[in-house]
Amino acid sequence: MTDESIVALFFERSESAINNTAEKYGRYLMKIAANILHLREDAEECVNDTYYTAWNQIPPDRPSKLLPYLGRITRCLALNRHDYLTAQKRNADFTQQLAELEDCLSSPDTPESKYENGELGAVISEFLRTVDSEKRNIFIRRYWFSDSIADIAKQFELSESKVKSILFRVRKLLAKYLESEGYRI
């Protein structure tokens, strides 16, 4: 079933929209949530919440690309759940990935910084376009999809130390790029 057909089912308020979405994208959404949360039950809950959120947002939203739309919802829900879990000191795995990026990104929680976050995302996207595709994909697999170093190494047929080295170098390049764009590091 095409994305347009699934979105049309959401607009018709047909429950088969959820079933078709789960059938087509359930594994993808589960991978995103599981990479962040590491507990199957939490990831399943997050994916179910994704379907619920999509049900409530479509309509009025009409995503032209359903996969990234659902992926973003899942990622946001998983990150919120991660915040809840780490507040209770239950999940340190994803916290390590965030700590890896701390050298590049600072995040004071002010109204100005919240405004700049939209700009910051655009600047990071701009930076990633300057990096060769393999390094960019490794960076995205680690920090967007939250894949483990081992999974990335296997996917790209590299050693784990090579993946760590690439990530380290790209983070350093990102820090320099952000400084050149006027961001304090």
C-alpha atoms as a PDB file:
ATOM      1  CA  MET A   1       0.000   0.000   0.000  1.00  0.00           C
ATOM      2  CA  THR A   2       1.353   3.445  -0.893  1.00  0.00           C
ATOM      3  CA  ASP A   3       1.901   6.253   1.581  1.00  0.00           C
ATOM      4  CA  GLU A   4      -0.785   8.304  -0.163  1.00  0.00           C
ATOM      5  CA  SER A   5      -3.277   5.460   0.305  1.00  0.00           C
ATOM      6  CA  ILE A   6      -2.425   5.145   3.987  1.00  0.00           C
ATOM      7  CA  VAL A   7      -2.747   8.910   4.529  1.00  0.00           C
ATOM      8  CA  ALA A   8      -6.117   8.793   2.713  1.00  0.00           C
ATOM      9  CA  LEU A   9      -7.235   6.096   5.183  1.00  0.00           C
ATOM     10  CA  PHE A  10      -6.248   8.395   8.061  1.00  0.00           C
ATOM     11  CA  PHE A  11      -8.344  11.151   6.503  1.00  0.00           C
ATOM     12  CA  GLU A  12     -11.271   8.737   6.196  1.00  0.00           C
ATOM     13  CA  ARG A  13     -10.736   7.862   9.893  1.00  0.00           C
ATOM     14  CA  SER A  14     -10.454   4.205   8.936  1.00  0.00           C
ATOM     15  CA  GLU A  15      -8.832   2.008  11.575  1.00  0.00           C
ATOM     16  CA  SER A  16      -7.131   0.087   8.781  1.00  0.00           C
ATOM     17  CA  ALA A  17      -4.806   3.101   8.490  1.00  0.00           C
ATOM     18  CA  ILE A  18      -3.138   2.001  11.737  1.00  0.00           C
ATOM     19  CA  ASN A  19      -2.929  -1.639  10.628  1.00  0.00           C
ATOM     20  CA  ASN A  20      -1.428  -0.710   7.262  1.00  0.00           C
ATOM     21  CA  THR A  21       1.004   1.689   8.901  1.00  0.00           C
ATOM     22  CA  ALA A  22       2.094  -0.979  11.377  1.00  0.00           C
ATOM     23  CA  GLU A  23       2.507  -3.545   8.628  1.00  0.00           C
ATOM     24  CA  LYS A  24       4.547  -1.259   6.389  1.00  0.00           C
ATOM     25  CA  TYR A  25       6.623   0.701   8.928  1.00  0.00           C
ATOM     26  CA  GLY A  26       6.326  -1.093  12.273  1.00  0.00           C
ATOM     27  CA  ARG A  27       9.790  -2.691  12.159  1.00  0.00           C
ATOM     28  CA  TYR A  28      11.431   0.604  11.181  1.00  0.00           C
ATOM     29  CA  LEU A  29       9.704   2.490  13.999  1.00  0.00           C
ATOM     30  CA  MET A  30      10.511  -0.272  16.486  1.00  0.00           C
ATOM     31  CA  LYS A  31      14.202  -0.074  15.563  1.00  0.00           C
ATOM     32  CA  ILE A  32      14.301   3.669  16.213  1.00  0.00           C
ATOM     33  CA  ALA A  33      12.557   3.326  19.574  1.00  0.00           C
ATOM     34  CA  ALA A  34      14.542   0.251  20.648  1.00  0.00           C
ATOM     35  CA  ASN A  35      17.870   1.893  19.805  1.00  0.00           C
ATOM     36  CA  ILE A  36      17.045   4.747  22.146  1.00  0.00           C
ATOM     37  CA  LEU A  37      15.215   2.889  24.906  1.00  0.00           C
ATOM     38  CA  HIS A  38      16.808  -0.599  24.888  1.00  0.00           C
ATOM     39  CA  LEU A  39      13.737  -2.145  26.519  1.00  0.00           C
ATOM     40  CA  ARG A  40      11.344  -3.931  24.191  1.00  0.00           C
ATOM     41  CA  GLU A  41       8.291  -3.074  26.267  1.00  0.00           C
ATOM     42  CA  ASP A  42       9.128   0.638  26.310  1.00  0.00           C
ATOM     43  CA  ALA A  43       9.866   0.598  22.591  1.00  0.00           C
ATOM     44  CA  GLU A  44       6.562  -1.144  21.822  1.00  0.00           C
ATOM     45  CA  GLU A  45       4.709   1.409  23.906  1.00  0.00           C
ATOM     46  CA  CYS A  46       6.493   4.197  22.074  1.00  0.00           C
ATOM     47  CA  VAL A  47       5.554   2.759  18.671  1.00  0.00           C
ATOM     48  CA  ASN A  48       1.929   2.385  19.768  1.00  0.00           C
ATOM     49  CA  ASP A  49       2.008   6.003  20.929  1.00  0.00           C
ATOM     50  CA  THR A  50       3.339   6.902  17.473  1.00  0.00           C
ATOM     51  CA  TYR A  51       0.259   5.371  15.861  1.00  0.00           C
ATOM     52  CA  TYR A  52      -1.976   7.223  18.316  1.00  0.00           C
ATOM     53  CA  THR A  53      -0.195  10.514  17.653  1.00  0.00           C
ATOM     54  CA  ALA A  54      -0.416  10.015  13.889  1.00  0.00           C
ATOM     55  CA  TRP A  55      -4.140   9.247  14.274  1.00  0.00           C
ATOM     56  CA  ASN A  56      -4.625  12.544  16.110  1.00  0.00           C
ATOM     57  CA  GLN A  57      -2.438  14.624  13.768  1.00  0.00           C
ATOM     58  CA  ILE A  58      -3.606  13.254  10.401  1.00  0.00           C
ATOM     59  CA  PRO A  59      -5.790  15.189   9.603  1.00  0.00           C
ATOM     60  CA  PRO A  60      -5.044  18.114   9.634  1.00  0.00           C
ATOM     61  CA  ASP A  61      -1.452  17.141   8.778  1.00  0.00           C
ATOM     62  CA  ARG A  62      -0.995  15.600   5.343  1.00  0.00           C
ATOM     63  CA  PRO A  63       2.572  14.259   5.236  1.00  0.00           C
ATOM     64  CA  SER A  64       3.924  13.834   1.731  1.00  0.00           C
ATOM     65  CA  LYS A  65       6.494  11.340   3.041  1.00  0.00           C
ATOM     66  CA  LEU A  66       4.988   9.154   5.733  1.00  0.00           C
ATOM     67  CA  LEU A  67       8.168   7.318   6.751  1.00  0.00           C
ATOM     68  CA  PRO A  68      10.156  10.362   7.977  1.00  0.00           C
ATOM     69  CA  TYR A  69       6.983  11.828   9.486  1.00  0.00           C
ATOM     70  CA  LEU A  70       6.407   8.716  11.599  1.00  0.00           C
ATOM     71  CA  GLY A  71      10.130   8.356  12.314  1.00  0.00           C
ATOM     72  CA  ARG A  72      10.268  11.859  13.757  1.00  0.00           C
ATOM     73  CA  ILE A  73       7.229  11.208  15.962  1.00  0.00           C
ATOM     74  CA  THR A  74       8.758   7.944  17.204  1.00  0.00           C
ATOM     75  CA  ARG A  75      12.112   9.556  17.886  1.00  0.00           C
ATOM     76  CA  CYS A  76      10.550  12.431  19.844  1.00  0.00           C
ATOM     77  CA  LEU A  77       8.407  10.054  21.890  1.00  0.00           C
ATOM     78  CA  ALA A  78      11.384   7.786  22.556  1.00  0.00           C
ATOM     79  CA  LEU A  79      13.542  10.723  23.626  1.00  0.00           C
ATOM     80  CA  ASN A  80      10.801  11.899  25.993  1.00  0.00           C
ATOM     81  CA  ARG A  81      10.563   8.400  27.425  1.00  0.00           C
ATOM     82  CA  HIS A  82      14.358   8.304  27.700  1.00  0.00           C
ATOM     83  CA  ASP A  83      14.279  11.553  29.701  1.00  0.00           C
ATOM     84  CA  TYR A  84      11.747   9.985  32.038  1.00  0.00           C
ATOM     85  CA  LEU A  85      13.822   6.834  32.456  1.00  0.00           C
ATOM     86  CA  THR A  86      17.122   8.623  32.993  1.00  0.00           C
ATOM     87  CA  ALA A  87      15.541  10.916  35.542  1.00  0.00           C
ATOM     88  CA  GLN A  88      15.189   7.717  37.539  1.00  0.00           C
ATOM     89  CA  LYS A  89      18.742   6.562  36.608  1.00  0.00           C
ATOM     90  CA  ARG A  90      17.513   3.530  34.664  1.00  0.00           C
ATOM     91  CA  ASN A  91      19.088   3.876  31.200  1.00  0.00           C
ATOM     92  CA  ALA A  92      22.675   4.979  30.616  1.00  0.00           C
ATOM     93  CA  ASP A  93      23.252   3.581  27.091  1.00  0.00           C
ATOM     94  CA  PHE A  94      21.629   6.405  25.131  1.00  0.00           C
ATOM     95  CA  THR A  95      23.017   8.974  27.556  1.00  0.00           C
ATOM     96  CA  GLN A  96      26.499   7.980  26.364  1.00  0.00           C
ATOM     97  CA  GLN A  97      25.572   8.817  22.760  1.00  0.00           C
ATOM     98  CA  LEU A  98      24.342  12.230  23.850  1.00  0.00           C
ATOM     99  CA  ALA A  99      27.514  12.772  25.870  1.00  0.00           C
ATOM    100  CA  GLU A 100      29.583  12.113  22.736  1.00  0.00           C
ATOM    101  CA  LEU A 101      27.997  15.164  21.136  1.00  0.00           C
ATOM    102  CA  GLU A 102      28.413  17.470  24.135  1.00  0.00           C
ATOM    103  CA  ASP A 103      31.761  18.726  22.838  1.00  0.00           C
ATOM    104  CA  CYS A 104      30.002  19.995  19.723  1.00  0.00           C
ATOM    105  CA  LEU A 105      26.705  21.196  21.114  1.00  0.00           C
ATOM    106  CA  SER A 106      25.866  23.207  24.177  1.00  0.00           C
ATOM    107  CA  SER A 107      22.253  23.585  25.218  1.00  0.00           C
ATOM    108  CA  PRO A 108      21.413  26.277  27.741  1.00  0.00           C
ATOM    109  CA  ASP A 109      17.635  26.213  28.179  1.00  0.00           C
ATOM    110  CA  THR A 110      16.746  29.828  27.442  1.00  0.00           C
ATOM    111  CA  PRO A 111      14.063  31.221  25.117  1.00  0.00           C
ATOM    112  CA  GLU A 112      16.828  32.394  22.798  1.00  0.00           C
ATOM    113  CA  SER A 113      18.382  28.943  22.689  1.00  0.00           C
ATOM    114  CA  LYS A 114      15.032  27.341  21.956  1.00  0.00           C
ATOM    115  CA  TYR A 115      14.667  29.698  18.973  1.00  0.00           C
ATOM    116  CA  GLU A 116      18.201  28.944  17.847  1.00  0.00           C
ATOM    117  CA  ASN A 117      17.570  25.171  18.003  1.00  0.00           C
ATOM    118  CA  GLY A 118      15.643  25.422  14.731  1.00  0.00           C
ATOM    119  CA  GLU A 119      18.537  27.333  13.223  1.00  0.00           C
ATOM    120  CA  LEU A 120      21.044  24.920  14.750  1.00  0.00           C
ATOM    121  CA  GLY A 121      19.314  21.971  13.094  1.00  0.00           C
ATOM    122  CA  ALA A 122      19.581  23.706   9.741  1.00  0.00           C
ATOM    123  CA  VAL A 123      23.275  24.483  10.313  1.00  0.00           C
ATOM    124  CA  ILE A 124      23.990  20.852  11.258  1.00  0.00           C
ATOM    125  CA  SER A 125      22.154  19.672   8.130  1.00  0.00           C
ATOM    126  CA  GLU A 126      24.201  22.124   6.083  1.00  0.00           C
ATOM    127  CA  PHE A 127      27.397  20.763   7.671  1.00  0.00           C
ATOM    128  CA  LEU A 128      26.409  17.159   6.967  1.00  0.00           C
ATOM    129  CA  ARG A 129      26.045  17.997   3.266  1.00  0.00           C
ATOM    130  CA  THR A 130      29.755  18.903   3.253  1.00  0.00           C
ATOM    131  CA  VAL A 131      30.823  15.509   4.627  1.00  0.00           C
ATOM    132  CA  ASP A 132      31.284  12.534   2.298  1.00  0.00           C
ATOM    133  CA  SER A 133      28.302  10.193   2.176  1.00  0.00           C
ATOM    134  CA  GLU A 134      29.795   7.290   4.144  1.00  0.00           C
ATOM    135  CA  LYS A 135      30.825   9.508   7.063  1.00  0.00           C
ATOM    136  CA  ARG A 136      27.497  11.342   6.934  1.00  0.00           C
ATOM    137  CA  ASN A 137      25.570   8.066   6.977  1.00  0.00           C
ATOM    138  CA  ILE A 138      27.635   6.719   9.874  1.00  0.00           C
ATOM    139  CA  PHE A 139      27.035   9.952  11.811  1.00  0.00           C
ATOM    140  CA  ILE A 140      23.278   9.810  11.130  1.00  0.00           C
ATOM    141  CA  ARG A 141      23.056   6.109  12.005  1.00  0.00           C
ATOM    142  CA  ARG A 142      24.688   6.855  15.352  1.00  0.00           C
ATOM    143  CA  TYR A 143      23.045  10.114  16.356  1.00  0.00           C
ATOM    144  CA  TRP A 144      19.673  10.021  14.629  1.00  0.00           C
ATOM    145  CA  PHE A 145      18.868   6.310  14.572  1.00  0.00           C
ATOM    146  CA  SER A 146      20.920   5.623  17.740  1.00  0.00           C
ATOM    147  CA  ASP A 147      22.529   2.518  16.256  1.00  0.00           C
ATOM    148  CA  SER A 148      25.265   0.926  18.313  1.00  0.00           C
ATOM    149  CA  ILE A 149      28.891   1.114  17.201  1.00  0.00           C
ATOM    150  CA  ALA A 150      28.816  -2.640  16.588  1.00  0.00           C
ATOM    151  CA  ASP A 151      25.712  -2.407  14.375  1.00  0.00           C
ATOM    152  CA  ILE A 152      27.206   0.445  12.354  1.00  0.00           C
ATOM    153  CA  ALA A 153      30.498  -1.419  11.923  1.00  0.00           C
ATOM    154  CA  LYS A 154      28.629  -4.461  10.672  1.00  0.00           C
ATOM    155  CA  GLN A 155      26.415  -2.444   8.324  1.00  0.00           C
ATOM    156  CA  PHE A 156      29.331  -0.548   6.769  1.00  0.00           C
ATOM    157  CA  GLU A 157      31.752  -3.495   6.925  1.00  0.00           C
ATOM    158  CA  LEU A 158      34.234  -1.585   9.083  1.00  0.00           C
ATOM    159  CA  SER A 159      35.940  -2.323  12.356  1.00  0.00           C
ATOM    160  CA  GLU A 160      34.422  -0.829  15.495  1.00  0.00           C
ATOM    161  CA  SER A 161      37.573   1.210  16.078  1.00  0.00           C
ATOM    162  CA  LYS A 162      37.289   2.650  12.545  1.00  0.00           C
ATOM    163  CA  VAL A 163      33.666   3.666  13.216  1.00  0.00           C
ATOM    164  CA  LYS A 164      34.679   5.302  16.509  1.00  0.00           C
ATOM    165  CA  SER A 165      37.473   7.131  14.727  1.00  0.00           C
ATOM    166  CA  ILE A 166      35.145   8.396  11.987  1.00  0.00           C
ATOM    167  CA  LEU A 167      32.606   9.584  14.541  1.00  0.00           C
ATOM    168  CA  PHE A 168      35.304  11.341  16.554  1.00  0.00           C
ATOM    169  CA  ARG A 169      36.627  13.150  13.476  1.00  0.00           C
ATOM    170  CA  VAL A 170      33.174  14.157  12.254  1.00  0.00           C
ATOM    171  CA  ARG A 171      32.292  15.512  15.720  1.00  0.00           C
ATOM    172  CA  LYS A 172      35.500  17.582  15.692  1.00  0.00           C
ATOM    173  CA  LEU A 173      34.688  18.903  12.206  1.00  0.00           C
ATOM    174  CA  LEU A 174      31.162  19.699  13.370  1.00  0.00           C
ATOM    175  CA  ALA A 175      32.503  21.633  16.365  1.00  0.00           C
ATOM    176  CA  LYS A 176      34.771  23.703  14.089  1.00  0.00           C
ATOM    177  CA  TYR A 177      31.934  24.291  11.639  1.00  0.00           C
ATOM    178  CA  LEU A 178      29.587  25.430  14.401  1.00  0.00           C
ATOM    179  CA  GLU A 179      32.227  27.813  15.739  1.00  0.00           C
ATOM    180  CA  SER A 180      32.706  29.262  12.255  1.00  0.00           C
ATOM    181  CA  GLU A 181      28.929  29.799  12.100  1.00  0.00           C
ATOM    182  CA  GLY A 182      28.991  31.754  15.364  1.00  0.00           C
ATOM    183  CA  TYR A 183      27.912  29.068  17.836  1.00  0.00           C
ATOM    184  CA  ARG A 184      29.688  28.923  21.191  1.00  0.00           C
ATOM    185  CA  ILE A 185      31.162  25.544  21.975  1.00  0.00           C
END
